[in-house]
Amino acid sequence: MATLTYVYADSTAVLGPLATYAEPHCYDLCAEHSERLTAPRGWEVVRLAMDPASTRPSGDDLEALADAVREAARTPPSPEPPPGAPLPRRGAADPVEVARRGHLRILRSPEP
């Protein structure tokens, strides 16, 4: 796997180790696509040497992944309206949220 970074002003594409954080104009590529990468005519492709040992997940990578999964599984507390605030009104045709898991919601159609 590799990260592709490009700069239009320099007509250059750089293919190197996976980036550690998201950045504009960067794309992560699988091994097959990084090997077959070509650039438009007039562009230069710079391929940085990659350490094969760095492509394997480390203990820190696995721990970060586990933490991200745990965080996504947490159900956020529902915000309480301030005291004295009117309750939001629901229309008769609005779906009703039944449950939530991470960023996904389960909605039920209103009964007629």
PDB file of N, CA and C in Angstrom:
ATOM      1  N   MET A   1       0.835  -1.168   0.000  1.00  0.00           N
ATOM      2  CA  MET A   1       0.000   0.000   0.000  1.00  0.00           C
ATOM      3  C   MET A   1       0.886   1.240   0.000  1.00  0.00           C
ATOM      4  N   ALA A   2       0.380   2.301  -0.602  1.00  0.00           N
ATOM      5  CA  ALA A   2       1.152   3.526  -0.709  1.00  0.00           C
ATOM      6  C   ALA A   2       0.202   4.716  -0.753  1.00  0.00           C
ATOM      7  N   THR A   3       0.747   5.899  -0.494  1.00  0.00           N
ATOM      8  CA  THR A   3      -0.039   7.122  -0.582  1.00  0.00           C
ATOM      9  C   THR A   3       0.435   7.915  -1.790  1.00  0.00           C
ATOM     10  N   LEU A   4      -0.517   8.337  -2.607  1.00  0.00           N
ATOM     11  CA  LEU A   4      -0.240   9.162  -3.776  1.00  0.00           C
ATOM     12  C   LEU A   4      -0.517  10.613  -3.406  1.00  0.00           C
ATOM     13  N   THR A   5       0.468  11.453  -3.615  1.00  0.00           N
ATOM     14  CA  THR A   5       0.334  12.892  -3.384  1.00  0.00           C
ATOM     15  C   THR A   5       0.692  13.582  -4.692  1.00  0.00           C
ATOM     16  N   TYR A   6      -0.041  14.616  -5.043  1.00  0.00           N
ATOM     17  CA  TYR A   6       0.274  15.304  -6.290  1.00  0.00           C
ATOM     18  C   TYR A   6       0.231  16.809  -6.097  1.00  0.00           C
ATOM     19  N   VAL A   7       0.989  17.504  -6.945  1.00  0.00           N
ATOM     20  CA  VAL A   7       1.033  18.964  -6.926  1.00  0.00           C
ATOM     21  C   VAL A   7       0.879  19.434  -8.365  1.00  0.00           C
ATOM     22  N   TYR A   8      -0.251  20.064  -8.671  1.00  0.00           N
ATOM     23  CA  TYR A   8      -0.499  20.533 -10.026  1.00  0.00           C
ATOM     24  C   TYR A   8       0.559  21.538 -10.477  1.00  0.00           C
ATOM     25  N   ALA A   9       0.927  22.453  -9.591  1.00  0.00           N
ATOM     26  CA  ALA A   9       1.862  23.519  -9.974  1.00  0.00           C
ATOM     27  C   ALA A   9       3.195  22.960 -10.453  1.00  0.00           C
ATOM     28  N   ASP A  10       3.634  21.830  -9.883  1.00  0.00           N
ATOM     29  CA  ASP A  10       4.917  21.229 -10.258  1.00  0.00           C
ATOM     30  C   ASP A  10       4.759  20.093 -11.263  1.00  0.00           C
ATOM     31  N   SER A  11       3.521  19.740 -11.622  1.00  0.00           N
ATOM     32  CA  SER A  11       3.252  18.596 -12.500  1.00  0.00           C
ATOM     33  C   SER A  11       3.982  17.358 -11.985  1.00  0.00           C
ATOM     34  N   THR A  12       3.831  17.094 -10.689  1.00  0.00           N
ATOM     35  CA  THR A  12       4.547  15.991 -10.052  1.00  0.00           C
ATOM     36  C   THR A  12       3.578  15.153  -9.223  1.00  0.00           C
ATOM     37  N   ALA A  13       3.736  13.851  -9.321  1.00  0.00           N
ATOM     38  CA  ALA A  13       3.008  12.908  -8.471  1.00  0.00           C
ATOM     39  C   ALA A  13       4.043  12.130  -7.669  1.00  0.00           C
ATOM     40  N   VAL A  14       3.825  12.017  -6.364  1.00  0.00           N
ATOM     41  CA  VAL A  14       4.765  11.312  -5.491  1.00  0.00           C
ATOM     42  C   VAL A  14       4.043  10.115  -4.897  1.00  0.00           C
ATOM     43  N   LEU A  15       4.662   8.956  -5.009  1.00  0.00           N
ATOM     44  CA  LEU A  15       4.129   7.722  -4.463  1.00  0.00           C
ATOM     45  C   LEU A  15       5.071   7.276  -3.361  1.00  0.00           C
ATOM     46  N   GLY A  16       4.570   7.223  -2.132  1.00  0.00           N
ATOM     47  CA  GLY A  16       5.428   6.888  -0.997  1.00  0.00           C
ATOM     48  C   GLY A  16       4.690   6.098   0.057  1.00  0.00           C
ATOM     49  N   PRO A  17       5.284   5.980   1.242  1.00  0.00           N
ATOM     50  CA  PRO A  17       4.663   5.220   2.328  1.00  0.00           C
ATOM     51  C   PRO A  17       3.304   5.808   2.703  1.00  0.00           C
ATOM     52  N   LEU A  18       2.472   4.991   3.347  1.00  0.00           N
ATOM     53  CA  LEU A  18       1.156   5.456   3.758  1.00  0.00           C
ATOM     54  C   LEU A  18       1.276   6.679   4.649  1.00  0.00           C
ATOM     55  N   ALA A  19       0.419   7.647   4.398  1.00  0.00           N
ATOM     56  CA  ALA A  19       0.406   8.863   5.212  1.00  0.00           C
ATOM     57  C   ALA A  19      -0.161   8.536   6.592  1.00  0.00           C
ATOM     58  N   THR A  20       0.305   9.267   7.590  1.00  0.00           N
ATOM     59  CA  THR A  20      -0.174   9.030   8.955  1.00  0.00           C
ATOM     60  C   THR A  20      -1.401   9.854   9.283  1.00  0.00           C
ATOM     61  N   TYR A  21      -1.741  10.831   8.440  1.00  0.00           N
ATOM     62  CA  TYR A  21      -2.942  11.621   8.652  1.00  0.00           C
ATOM     63  C   TYR A  21      -3.497  12.068   7.300  1.00  0.00           C
ATOM     64  N   ALA A  22      -4.785  12.386   7.284  1.00  0.00           N
ATOM     65  CA  ALA A  22      -5.443  12.782   6.038  1.00  0.00           C
ATOM     66  C   ALA A  22      -4.992  14.174   5.627  1.00  0.00           C
ATOM     67  N   GLU A  23      -4.819  14.351   4.345  1.00  0.00           N
ATOM     68  CA  GLU A  23      -4.376  15.633   3.815  1.00  0.00           C
ATOM     69  C   GLU A  23      -4.996  15.800   2.431  1.00  0.00           C
ATOM     70  N   PRO A  24      -5.336  17.045   2.044  1.00  0.00           N
ATOM     71  CA  PRO A  24      -5.903  17.235   0.709  1.00  0.00           C
ATOM     72  C   PRO A  24      -4.916  16.786  -0.373  1.00  0.00           C
ATOM     73  N   HIS A  25      -5.414  16.330  -1.461  1.00  0.00           N
ATOM     74  CA  HIS A  25      -4.616  15.893  -2.609  1.00  0.00           C
ATOM     75  C   HIS A  25      -3.799  14.640  -2.301  1.00  0.00           C
ATOM     76  N   CYS A  26      -4.225  13.819  -1.371  1.00  0.00           N
ATOM     77  CA  CYS A  26      -3.542  12.552  -1.059  1.00  0.00           C
ATOM     78  C   CYS A  26      -4.555  11.416  -1.171  1.00  0.00           C
ATOM     79  N   TYR A  27      -4.100  10.317  -1.738  1.00  0.00           N
ATOM     80  CA  TYR A  27      -4.962   9.155  -1.890  1.00  0.00           C
ATOM     81  C   TYR A  27      -4.168   7.906  -1.545  1.00  0.00           C
ATOM     82  N   ASP A  28      -4.765   7.010  -0.746  1.00  0.00           N
ATOM     83  CA  ASP A  28      -4.124   5.738  -0.426  1.00  0.00           C
ATOM     84  C   ASP A  28      -4.463   4.732  -1.517  1.00  0.00           C
ATOM     85  N   LEU A  29      -3.446   4.018  -1.983  1.00  0.00           N
ATOM     86  CA  LEU A  29      -3.613   3.039  -3.059  1.00  0.00           C
ATOM     87  C   LEU A  29      -3.188   1.665  -2.565  1.00  0.00           C
ATOM     88  N   CYS A  30      -3.845   0.635  -3.074  1.00  0.00           N
ATOM     89  CA  CYS A  30      -3.427  -0.732  -2.768  1.00  0.00           C
ATOM     90  C   CYS A  30      -2.136  -1.026  -3.540  1.00  0.00           C
ATOM     91  N   ALA A  31      -1.500  -2.140  -3.231  1.00  0.00           N
ATOM     92  CA  ALA A  31      -0.218  -2.489  -3.844  1.00  0.00           C
ATOM     93  C   ALA A  31      -0.340  -2.610  -5.369  1.00  0.00           C
ATOM     94  N   GLU A  32      -1.413  -3.243  -5.834  1.00  0.00           N
ATOM     95  CA  GLU A  32      -1.583  -3.439  -7.278  1.00  0.00           C
ATOM     96  C   GLU A  32      -1.686  -2.103  -8.013  1.00  0.00           C
ATOM     97  N   HIS A  33      -2.493  -1.194  -7.504  1.00  0.00           N
ATOM     98  CA  HIS A  33      -2.657   0.087  -8.179  1.00  0.00           C
ATOM     99  C   HIS A  33      -1.429   0.981  -8.040  1.00  0.00           C
ATOM    100  N   SER A  34      -0.728   0.869  -6.924  1.00  0.00           N
ATOM    101  CA  SER A  34       0.476   1.700  -6.783  1.00  0.00           C
ATOM    102  C   SER A  34       1.571   1.239  -7.749  1.00  0.00           C
ATOM    103  N   GLU A  35       1.615  -0.058  -8.069  1.00  0.00           N
ATOM    104  CA  GLU A  35       2.603  -0.558  -9.030  1.00  0.00           C
ATOM    105  C   GLU A  35       2.276  -0.132 -10.459  1.00  0.00           C
ATOM    106  N   ARG A  36       0.976  -0.058 -10.779  1.00  0.00           N
ATOM    107  CA  ARG A  36       0.561   0.260 -12.146  1.00  0.00           C
ATOM    108  C   ARG A  36       0.353   1.748 -12.388  1.00  0.00           C
ATOM    109  N   LEU A  37       0.608   2.588 -11.398  1.00  0.00           N
ATOM    110  CA  LEU A  37       0.331   4.012 -11.510  1.00  0.00           C
ATOM    111  C   LEU A  37       1.104   4.664 -12.652  1.00  0.00           C
ATOM    112  N   THR A  38       0.396   5.431 -13.444  1.00  0.00           N
ATOM    113  CA  THR A  38       1.026   6.270 -14.473  1.00  0.00           C
ATOM    114  C   THR A  38       0.493   7.685 -14.290  1.00  0.00           C
ATOM    115  N   ALA A  39       1.215   8.655 -14.823  1.00  0.00           N
ATOM    116  CA  ALA A  39       0.803  10.059 -14.711  1.00  0.00           C
ATOM    117  C   ALA A  39       0.567  10.616 -16.102  1.00  0.00           C
ATOM    118  N   PRO A  40      -0.132  11.721 -16.184  1.00  0.00           N
ATOM    119  CA  PRO A  40      -0.372  12.335 -17.494  1.00  0.00           C
ATOM    120  C   PRO A  40       0.937  12.737 -18.173  1.00  0.00           C
ATOM    121  N   ARG A  41       0.889  12.874 -19.481  1.00  0.00           N
ATOM    122  CA  ARG A  41       2.058  13.279 -20.257  1.00  0.00           C
ATOM    123  C   ARG A  41       2.579  14.617 -19.736  1.00  0.00           C
ATOM    124  N   GLY A  42       3.893  14.689 -19.542  1.00  0.00           N
ATOM    125  CA  GLY A  42       4.506  15.905 -19.039  1.00  0.00           C
ATOM    126  C   GLY A  42       4.662  15.941 -17.529  1.00  0.00           C
ATOM    127  N   TRP A  43       4.056  14.979 -16.854  1.00  0.00           N
ATOM    128  CA  TRP A  43       4.164  14.915 -15.404  1.00  0.00           C
ATOM    129  C   TRP A  43       5.316  13.996 -15.023  1.00  0.00           C
ATOM    130  N   GLU A  44       5.875  14.232 -13.854  1.00  0.00           N
ATOM    131  CA  GLU A  44       6.928  13.382 -13.320  1.00  0.00           C
ATOM    132  C   GLU A  44       6.358  12.561 -12.167  1.00  0.00           C
ATOM    133  N   VAL A  45       6.675  11.271 -12.132  1.00  0.00           N
ATOM    134  CA  VAL A  45       6.269  10.409 -11.022  1.00  0.00           C
ATOM    135  C   VAL A  45       7.510  10.105 -10.195  1.00  0.00           C
ATOM    136  N   VAL A  46       7.457  10.450  -8.928  1.00  0.00           N
ATOM    137  CA  VAL A  46       8.553  10.168  -8.001  1.00  0.00           C
ATOM    138  C   VAL A  46       8.094   9.025  -7.102  1.00  0.00           C
ATOM    139  N   ARG A  47       8.834   7.931  -7.131  1.00  0.00           N
ATOM    140  CA  ARG A  47       8.500   6.769  -6.293  1.00  0.00           C
ATOM    141  C   ARG A  47       9.520   6.685  -5.170  1.00  0.00           C
ATOM    142  N   LEU A  48       9.049   6.919  -3.955  1.00  0.00           N
ATOM    143  CA  LEU A  48       9.927   6.848  -2.792  1.00  0.00           C
ATOM    144  C   LEU A  48      10.083   5.396  -2.363  1.00  0.00           C
ATOM    145  N   ALA A  49      11.282   5.027  -1.948  1.00  0.00           N
ATOM    146  CA  ALA A  49      11.529   3.662  -1.478  1.00  0.00           C
ATOM    147  C   ALA A  49      10.747   3.432  -0.187  1.00  0.00           C
ATOM    148  N   MET A  50      10.111   2.263  -0.120  1.00  0.00           N
ATOM    149  CA  MET A  50       9.309   1.939   1.055  1.00  0.00           C
ATOM    150  C   MET A  50       9.914   0.753   1.783  1.00  0.00           C
ATOM    151  N   ASP A  51       9.926   0.835   3.113  1.00  0.00           N
ATOM    152  CA  ASP A  51      10.430  -0.241   3.948  1.00  0.00           C
ATOM    153  C   ASP A  51       9.355  -1.324   4.040  1.00  0.00           C
ATOM    154  N   PRO A  52       9.637  -2.568   3.597  1.00  0.00           N
ATOM    155  CA  PRO A  52       8.616  -3.619   3.635  1.00  0.00           C
ATOM    156  C   PRO A  52       8.114  -3.905   5.048  1.00  0.00           C
ATOM    157  N   ALA A  53       8.960  -3.699   6.055  1.00  0.00           N
ATOM    158  CA  ALA A  53       8.536  -3.970   7.431  1.00  0.00           C
ATOM    159  C   ALA A  53       7.497  -2.950   7.885  1.00  0.00           C
ATOM    160  N   SER A  54       7.502  -1.762   7.286  1.00  0.00           N
ATOM    161  CA  SER A  54       6.564  -0.730   7.720  1.00  0.00           C
ATOM    162  C   SER A  54       5.155  -0.977   7.197  1.00  0.00           C
ATOM    163  N   THR A  55       4.981  -1.892   6.261  1.00  0.00           N
ATOM    164  CA  THR A  55       3.649  -2.161   5.724  1.00  0.00           C
ATOM    165  C   THR A  55       2.842  -3.080   6.629  1.00  0.00           C
ATOM    166  N   ARG A  56       3.486  -3.727   7.564  1.00  0.00           N
ATOM    167  CA  ARG A  56       2.766  -4.599   8.501  1.00  0.00           C
ATOM    168  C   ARG A  56       2.210  -3.764   9.638  1.00  0.00           C
ATOM    169  N   PRO A  57       1.006  -4.092  10.115  1.00  0.00           N
ATOM    170  CA  PRO A  57       0.439  -3.322  11.219  1.00  0.00           C
ATOM    171  C   PRO A  57       1.247  -3.532  12.501  1.00  0.00           C
ATOM    172  N   SER A  58       1.453  -2.456  13.225  1.00  0.00           N
ATOM    173  CA  SER A  58       2.167  -2.540  14.497  1.00  0.00           C
ATOM    174  C   SER A  58       1.150  -2.691  15.626  1.00  0.00           C
ATOM    175  N   GLY A  59       1.646  -2.885  16.817  1.00  0.00           N
ATOM    176  CA  GLY A  59       0.769  -2.973  17.984  1.00  0.00           C
ATOM    177  C   GLY A  59      -0.009  -1.677  18.175  1.00  0.00           C
ATOM    178  N   ASP A  60       0.641  -0.541  17.896  1.00  0.00           N
ATOM    179  CA  ASP A  60      -0.038   0.752  18.018  1.00  0.00           C
ATOM    180  C   ASP A  60      -1.168   0.875  16.998  1.00  0.00           C
ATOM    181  N   ASP A  61      -0.946   0.358  15.784  1.00  0.00           N
ATOM    182  CA  ASP A  61      -1.989   0.399  14.757  1.00  0.00           C
ATOM    183  C   ASP A  61      -3.211  -0.398  15.192  1.00  0.00           C
ATOM    184  N   LEU A  62      -2.970  -1.585  15.718  1.00  0.00           N
ATOM    185  CA  LEU A  62      -4.082  -2.442  16.144  1.00  0.00           C
ATOM    186  C   LEU A  62      -4.824  -1.837  17.330  1.00  0.00           C
ATOM    187  N   GLU A  63      -4.083  -1.231  18.253  1.00  0.00           N
ATOM    188  CA  GLU A  63      -4.722  -0.595  19.403  1.00  0.00           C
ATOM    189  C   GLU A  63      -5.554   0.604  18.953  1.00  0.00           C
ATOM    190  N   ALA A  64      -5.041   1.394  18.021  1.00  0.00           N
ATOM    191  CA  ALA A  64      -5.788   2.542  17.501  1.00  0.00           C
ATOM    192  C   ALA A  64      -7.065   2.086  16.796  1.00  0.00           C
ATOM    193  N   LEU A  65      -6.984   0.989  16.051  1.00  0.00           N
ATOM    194  CA  LEU A  65      -8.160   0.455  15.380  1.00  0.00           C
ATOM    195  C   LEU A  65      -9.204  -0.009  16.398  1.00  0.00           C
ATOM    196  N   ALA A  66      -8.767  -0.714  17.434  1.00  0.00           N
ATOM    197  CA  ALA A  66      -9.689  -1.175  18.474  1.00  0.00           C
ATOM    198  C   ALA A  66     -10.344   0.014  19.174  1.00  0.00           C
ATOM    199  N   ASP A  67      -9.579   1.063  19.469  1.00  0.00           N
ATOM    200  CA  ASP A  67     -10.140   2.257  20.106  1.00  0.00           C
ATOM    201  C   ASP A  67     -11.176   2.926  19.215  1.00  0.00           C
ATOM    202  N   ALA A  68     -10.900   2.986  17.910  1.00  0.00           N
ATOM    203  CA  ALA A  68     -11.841   3.599  16.976  1.00  0.00           C
ATOM    204  C   ALA A  68     -13.143   2.801  16.909  1.00  0.00           C
ATOM    205  N   VAL A  69     -13.039   1.479  16.931  1.00  0.00           N
ATOM    206  CA  VAL A  69     -14.241   0.633  16.900  1.00  0.00           C
ATOM    207  C   VAL A  69     -15.046   0.832  18.178  1.00  0.00           C
ATOM    208  N   ARG A  70     -14.378   0.868  19.330  1.00  0.00           N
ATOM    209  CA  ARG A  70     -15.081   1.091  20.597  1.00  0.00           C
ATOM    210  C   ARG A  70     -15.785   2.448  20.595  1.00  0.00           C
ATOM    211  N   GLU A  71     -15.097   3.479  20.107  1.00  0.00           N
ATOM    212  CA  GLU A  71     -15.678   4.826  20.080  1.00  0.00           C
ATOM    213  C   GLU A  71     -16.908   4.869  19.174  1.00  0.00           C
ATOM    214  N   ALA A  72     -16.830   4.202  18.032  1.00  0.00           N
ATOM    215  CA  ALA A  72     -17.959   4.194  17.099  1.00  0.00           C
ATOM    216  C   ALA A  72     -19.147   3.430  17.669  1.00  0.00           C
ATOM    217  N   ALA A  73     -18.896   2.456  18.540  1.00  0.00           N
ATOM    218  CA  ALA A  73     -19.971   1.648  19.098  1.00  0.00           C
ATOM    219  C   ALA A  73     -20.694   2.342  20.246  1.00  0.00           C
ATOM    220  N   ARG A  74     -20.073   3.367  20.822  1.00  0.00           N
ATOM    221  CA  ARG A  74     -20.712   4.081  21.933  1.00  0.00           C
ATOM    222  C   ARG A  74     -21.939   4.827  21.430  1.00  0.00           C
ATOM    223  N   THR A  75     -23.002   4.778  22.226  1.00  0.00           N
ATOM    224  CA  THR A  75     -24.204   5.520  21.900  1.00  0.00           C
ATOM    225  C   THR A  75     -24.098   6.887  22.553  1.00  0.00           C
ATOM    226  N   PRO A  76     -24.147   7.951  21.766  1.00  0.00           N
ATOM    227  CA  PRO A  76     -24.030   9.278  22.371  1.00  0.00           C
ATOM    228  C   PRO A  76     -25.262   9.587  23.218  1.00  0.00           C
ATOM    229  N   PRO A  77     -25.064  10.280  24.336  1.00  0.00           N
ATOM    230  CA  PRO A  77     -26.232  10.626  25.154  1.00  0.00           C
ATOM    231  C   PRO A  77     -27.125  11.596  24.392  1.00  0.00           C
ATOM    232  N   SER A  78     -28.418  11.427  24.545  1.00  0.00           N
ATOM    233  CA  SER A  78     -29.340  12.314  23.840  1.00  0.00           C
ATOM    234  C   SER A  78     -29.317  13.682  24.521  1.00  0.00           C
ATOM    235  N   PRO A  79     -29.239  14.743  23.744  1.00  0.00           N
ATOM    236  CA  PRO A  79     -29.193  16.079  24.339  1.00  0.00           C
ATOM    237  C   PRO A  79     -30.525  16.410  25.001  1.00  0.00           C
ATOM    238  N   GLU A  80     -30.461  16.992  26.188  1.00  0.00           N
ATOM    239  CA  GLU A  80     -31.684  17.376  26.890  1.00  0.00           C
ATOM    240  C   GLU A  80     -31.976  18.833  26.586  1.00  0.00           C
ATOM    241  N   PRO A  81     -33.253  19.140  26.334  1.00  0.00           N
ATOM    242  CA  PRO A  81     -33.590  20.543  26.078  1.00  0.00           C
ATOM    243  C   PRO A  81     -33.425  21.355  27.361  1.00  0.00           C
ATOM    244  N   PRO A  82     -33.111  22.625  27.243  1.00  0.00           N
ATOM    245  CA  PRO A  82     -32.979  23.450  28.441  1.00  0.00           C
ATOM    246  C   PRO A  82     -34.311  23.538  29.168  1.00  0.00           C
ATOM    247  N   PRO A  83     -34.281  23.755  30.498  1.00  0.00           N
ATOM    248  CA  PRO A  83     -35.536  23.839  31.262  1.00  0.00           C
ATOM    249  C   PRO A  83     -36.440  24.932  30.699  1.00  0.00           C
ATOM    250  N   GLY A  84     -37.709  24.599  30.555  1.00  0.00           N
ATOM    251  CA  GLY A  84     -38.687  25.562  30.071  1.00  0.00           C
ATOM    252  C   GLY A  84     -38.774  25.652  28.563  1.00  0.00           C
ATOM    253  N   ALA A  85     -37.893  24.950  27.841  1.00  0.00           N
ATOM    254  CA  ALA A  85     -37.937  24.997  26.381  1.00  0.00           C
ATOM    255  C   ALA A  85     -39.083  24.126  25.888  1.00  0.00           C
ATOM    256  N   PRO A  86     -39.773  24.578  24.839  1.00  0.00           N
ATOM    257  CA  PRO A  86     -40.867  23.755  24.303  1.00  0.00           C
ATOM    258  C   PRO A  86     -40.311  22.493  23.643  1.00  0.00           C
ATOM    259  N   LEU A  87     -41.040  21.413  23.759  1.00  0.00           N
ATOM    260  CA  LEU A  87     -40.621  20.159  23.138  1.00  0.00           C
ATOM    261  C   LEU A  87     -40.798  20.264  21.631  1.00  0.00           C
ATOM    262  N   PRO A  88     -39.889  19.681  20.869  1.00  0.00           N
ATOM    263  CA  PRO A  88     -40.039  19.736  19.411  1.00  0.00           C
ATOM    264  C   PRO A  88     -41.285  18.989  18.978  1.00  0.00           C
ATOM    265  N   ARG A  89     -41.993  19.549  18.003  1.00  0.00           N
ATOM    266  CA  ARG A  89     -43.217  18.917  17.513  1.00  0.00           C
ATOM    267  C   ARG A  89     -42.874  18.023  16.348  1.00  0.00           C
ATOM    268  N   ARG A  90     -43.492  16.886  16.313  1.00  0.00           N
ATOM    269  CA  ARG A  90     -43.287  15.949  15.224  1.00  0.00           C
ATOM    270  C   ARG A  90     -44.536  15.939  14.361  1.00  0.00           C
ATOM    271  N   GLY A  91     -44.317  15.918  13.060  1.00  0.00           N
ATOM    272  CA  GLY A  91     -45.439  15.805  12.140  1.00  0.00           C
ATOM    273  C   GLY A  91     -45.944  14.372  12.125  1.00  0.00           C
ATOM    274  N   ALA A  92     -47.150  14.181  11.659  1.00  0.00           N
ATOM    275  CA  ALA A  92     -47.739  12.849  11.644  1.00  0.00           C
ATOM    276  C   ALA A  92     -46.996  11.913  10.695  1.00  0.00           C
ATOM    277  N   ALA A  93     -46.332  12.457   9.671  1.00  0.00           N
ATOM    278  CA  ALA A  93     -45.671  11.610   8.679  1.00  0.00           C
ATOM    279  C   ALA A  93     -44.183  11.438   8.955  1.00  0.00           C
ATOM    280  N   ASP A  94     -43.670  11.997  10.061  1.00  0.00           N
ATOM    281  CA  ASP A  94     -42.244  11.885  10.363  1.00  0.00           C
ATOM    282  C   ASP A  94     -41.905  10.488  10.877  1.00  0.00           C
ATOM    283  N   PRO A  95     -40.802   9.898  10.405  1.00  0.00           N
ATOM    284  CA  PRO A  95     -40.381   8.608  10.950  1.00  0.00           C
ATOM    285  C   PRO A  95     -39.911   8.778  12.397  1.00  0.00           C
ATOM    286  N   VAL A  96     -39.995   7.702  13.156  1.00  0.00           N
ATOM    287  CA  VAL A  96     -39.626   7.719  14.564  1.00  0.00           C
ATOM    288  C   VAL A  96     -38.342   6.923  14.742  1.00  0.00           C
ATOM    289  N   GLU A  97     -37.358   7.517  15.436  1.00  0.00           N
ATOM    290  CA  GLU A  97     -36.103   6.807  15.704  1.00  0.00           C
ATOM    291  C   GLU A  97     -36.346   5.794  16.809  1.00  0.00           C
ATOM    292  N   VAL A  98     -36.055   4.529  16.526  1.00  0.00           N
ATOM    293  CA  VAL A  98     -36.286   3.451  17.471  1.00  0.00           C
ATOM    294  C   VAL A  98     -35.010   3.099  18.236  1.00  0.00           C
ATOM    295  N   ALA A  99     -33.875   3.059  17.538  1.00  0.00           N
ATOM    296  CA  ALA A  99     -32.607   2.700  18.172  1.00  0.00           C
ATOM    297  C   ALA A  99     -31.476   3.340  17.390  1.00  0.00           C
ATOM    298  N   ARG A 100     -30.280   3.305  18.003  1.00  0.00           N
ATOM    299  CA  ARG A 100     -29.110   3.887  17.363  1.00  0.00           C
ATOM    300  C   ARG A 100     -27.923   2.997  17.689  1.00  0.00           C
ATOM    301  N   ARG A 101     -27.083   2.754  16.689  1.00  0.00           N
ATOM    302  CA  ARG A 101     -25.853   1.989  16.885  1.00  0.00           C
ATOM    303  C   ARG A 101     -24.748   2.730  16.149  1.00  0.00           C
ATOM    304  N   GLY A 102     -23.884   3.389  16.923  1.00  0.00           N
ATOM    305  CA  GLY A 102     -22.830   4.186  16.314  1.00  0.00           C
ATOM    306  C   GLY A 102     -23.446   5.338  15.540  1.00  0.00           C
ATOM    307  N   HIS A 103     -23.114   5.477  14.281  1.00  0.00           N
ATOM    308  CA  HIS A 103     -23.666   6.547  13.464  1.00  0.00           C
ATOM    309  C   HIS A 103     -24.916   6.111  12.712  1.00  0.00           C
ATOM    310  N   LEU A 104     -25.351   4.853  12.894  1.00  0.00           N
ATOM    311  CA  LEU A 104     -26.533   4.346  12.198  1.00  0.00           C
ATOM    312  C   LEU A 104     -27.777   4.506  13.068  1.00  0.00           C
ATOM    313  N   ARG A 105     -28.897   4.800  12.433  1.00  0.00           N
ATOM    314  CA  ARG A 105     -30.165   4.924  13.163  1.00  0.00           C
ATOM    315  C   ARG A 105     -31.184   3.943  12.593  1.00  0.00           C
ATOM    316  N   ILE A 106     -32.024   3.421  13.455  1.00  0.00           N
ATOM    317  CA  ILE A 106     -33.120   2.553  13.021  1.00  0.00           C
ATOM    318  C   ILE A 106     -34.379   3.399  13.128  1.00  0.00           C
ATOM    319  N   LEU A 107     -35.061   3.583  11.999  1.00  0.00           N
ATOM    320  CA  LEU A 107     -36.255   4.395  11.944  1.00  0.00           C
ATOM    321  C   LEU A 107     -37.476   3.525  11.673  1.00  0.00           C
ATOM    322  N   ARG A 108     -38.574   3.864  12.291  1.00  0.00           N
ATOM    323  CA  ARG A 108     -39.841   3.159  12.058  1.00  0.00           C
ATOM    324  C   ARG A 108     -40.801   4.147  11.425  1.00  0.00           C
ATOM    325  N   SER A 109     -41.506   3.699  10.414  1.00  0.00           N
ATOM    326  CA  SER A 109     -42.513   4.536   9.786  1.00  0.00           C
ATOM    327  C   SER A 109     -43.637   4.785  10.769  1.00  0.00           C
ATOM    328  N   PRO A 110     -44.226   5.977  10.737  1.00  0.00           N
ATOM    329  CA  PRO A 110     -45.337   6.254  11.655  1.00  0.00           C
ATOM    330  C   PRO A 110     -46.541   5.393  11.301  1.00  0.00           C
ATOM    331  N   GLU A 111     -47.256   5.019  12.319  1.00  0.00           N
ATOM    332  CA  GLU A 111     -48.448   4.182  12.084  1.00  0.00           C
ATOM    333  C   GLU A 111     -49.593   5.091  11.685  1.00  0.00           C
ATOM    334  N   PRO A 112     -50.410   4.640  10.735  1.00  0.00           N
ATOM    335  CA  PRO A 112     -51.520   5.486  10.266  1.00  0.00           C
ATOM    336  C   PRO A 112     -52.613   5.650  11.293  1.00  0.00           C
TER     337      PRO A 112
END
